[in-house]
């Protein structure tokens, strides 16, 4: 992953050379999460 800002990274998946944004954020209830490919995954541990 290549850092773009303190909370945004560019991740290269696969062999196509395309980058996908990976965004670390916080949900409205305060739970930390990561957004990858328009999906949010909350931190569980």
C-alpha atoms as a PDB file:
ATOM      1  CA  UNK A   1       0.000   0.000   0.000  1.00  0.00           C
ATOM      2  CA  UNK A   2       1.130   3.504  -0.832  1.00  0.00           C
ATOM      3  CA  UNK A   3       0.200   6.277   1.635  1.00  0.00           C
ATOM      4  CA  UNK A   4      -1.730   9.135   0.069  1.00  0.00           C
ATOM      5  CA  UNK A   5      -2.702  10.912   3.307  1.00  0.00           C
ATOM      6  CA  UNK A   6      -2.733   9.936   7.009  1.00  0.00           C
ATOM      7  CA  UNK A   7      -5.976   7.959   6.515  1.00  0.00           C
ATOM      8  CA  UNK A   8      -5.961   7.091   2.783  1.00  0.00           C
ATOM      9  CA  UNK A   9      -3.782   4.500   1.066  1.00  0.00           C
ATOM     10  CA  UNK A  10      -3.574   3.216  -2.521  1.00  0.00           C
ATOM     11  CA  UNK A  11      -3.432  -0.569  -2.663  1.00  0.00           C
ATOM     12  CA  UNK A  12      -2.388  -2.445  -5.794  1.00  0.00           C
ATOM     13  CA  UNK A  13      -4.351  -5.682  -6.068  1.00  0.00           C
ATOM     14  CA  UNK A  14      -3.702  -8.221  -8.794  1.00  0.00           C
ATOM     15  CA  UNK A  15      -1.548  -7.938 -11.872  1.00  0.00           C
ATOM     16  CA  UNK A  16      -3.519  -5.243 -13.699  1.00  0.00           C
ATOM     17  CA  UNK A  17      -1.639  -2.365 -12.140  1.00  0.00           C
ATOM     18  CA  UNK A  18      -4.841  -0.695 -10.939  1.00  0.00           C
ATOM     19  CA  UNK A  19      -4.994   0.838  -7.475  1.00  0.00           C
ATOM     20  CA  UNK A  20      -7.887   0.648  -5.035  1.00  0.00           C
ATOM     21  CA  UNK A  21      -8.384   3.263  -2.329  1.00  0.00           C
ATOM     22  CA  UNK A  22      -8.226   1.991   1.251  1.00  0.00           C
ATOM     23  CA  UNK A  23      -9.667   4.519   3.704  1.00  0.00           C
ATOM     24  CA  UNK A  24      -9.386   4.282   7.487  1.00  0.00           C
ATOM     25  CA  UNK A  25     -12.205   6.115   9.247  1.00  0.00           C
ATOM     26  CA  UNK A  26     -14.647   6.025  12.155  1.00  0.00           C
ATOM     27  CA  UNK A  27     -18.327   5.077  12.035  1.00  0.00           C
ATOM     28  CA  UNK A  28     -20.938   7.433  13.529  1.00  0.00           C
ATOM     29  CA  UNK A  29     -21.007   5.331  16.720  1.00  0.00           C
ATOM     30  CA  UNK A  30     -17.230   5.765  17.184  1.00  0.00           C
ATOM     31  CA  UNK A  31     -16.155   2.323  15.919  1.00  0.00           C
ATOM     32  CA  UNK A  32     -12.952   2.408  13.850  1.00  0.00           C
ATOM     33  CA  UNK A  33     -13.367   0.917  10.369  1.00  0.00           C
ATOM     34  CA  UNK A  34     -11.701   0.529   6.999  1.00  0.00           C
ATOM     35  CA  UNK A  35     -13.351   1.105   3.610  1.00  0.00           C
ATOM     36  CA  UNK A  36     -12.138  -1.056   0.723  1.00  0.00           C
ATOM     37  CA  UNK A  37     -14.006  -1.263  -2.567  1.00  0.00           C
ATOM     38  CA  UNK A  38     -17.056   0.632  -1.231  1.00  0.00           C
ATOM     39  CA  UNK A  39     -17.425  -1.791   1.697  1.00  0.00           C
ATOM     40  CA  UNK A  40     -16.870  -0.918   5.348  1.00  0.00           C
ATOM     41  CA  UNK A  41     -15.300  -3.389   7.762  1.00  0.00           C
ATOM     42  CA  UNK A  42     -15.476  -2.430  11.438  1.00  0.00           C
ATOM     43  CA  UNK A  43     -12.562  -3.139  13.746  1.00  0.00           C
ATOM     44  CA  UNK A  44     -13.423  -6.156  15.879  1.00  0.00           C
ATOM     45  CA  UNK A  45     -10.340  -6.733  18.012  1.00  0.00           C
END
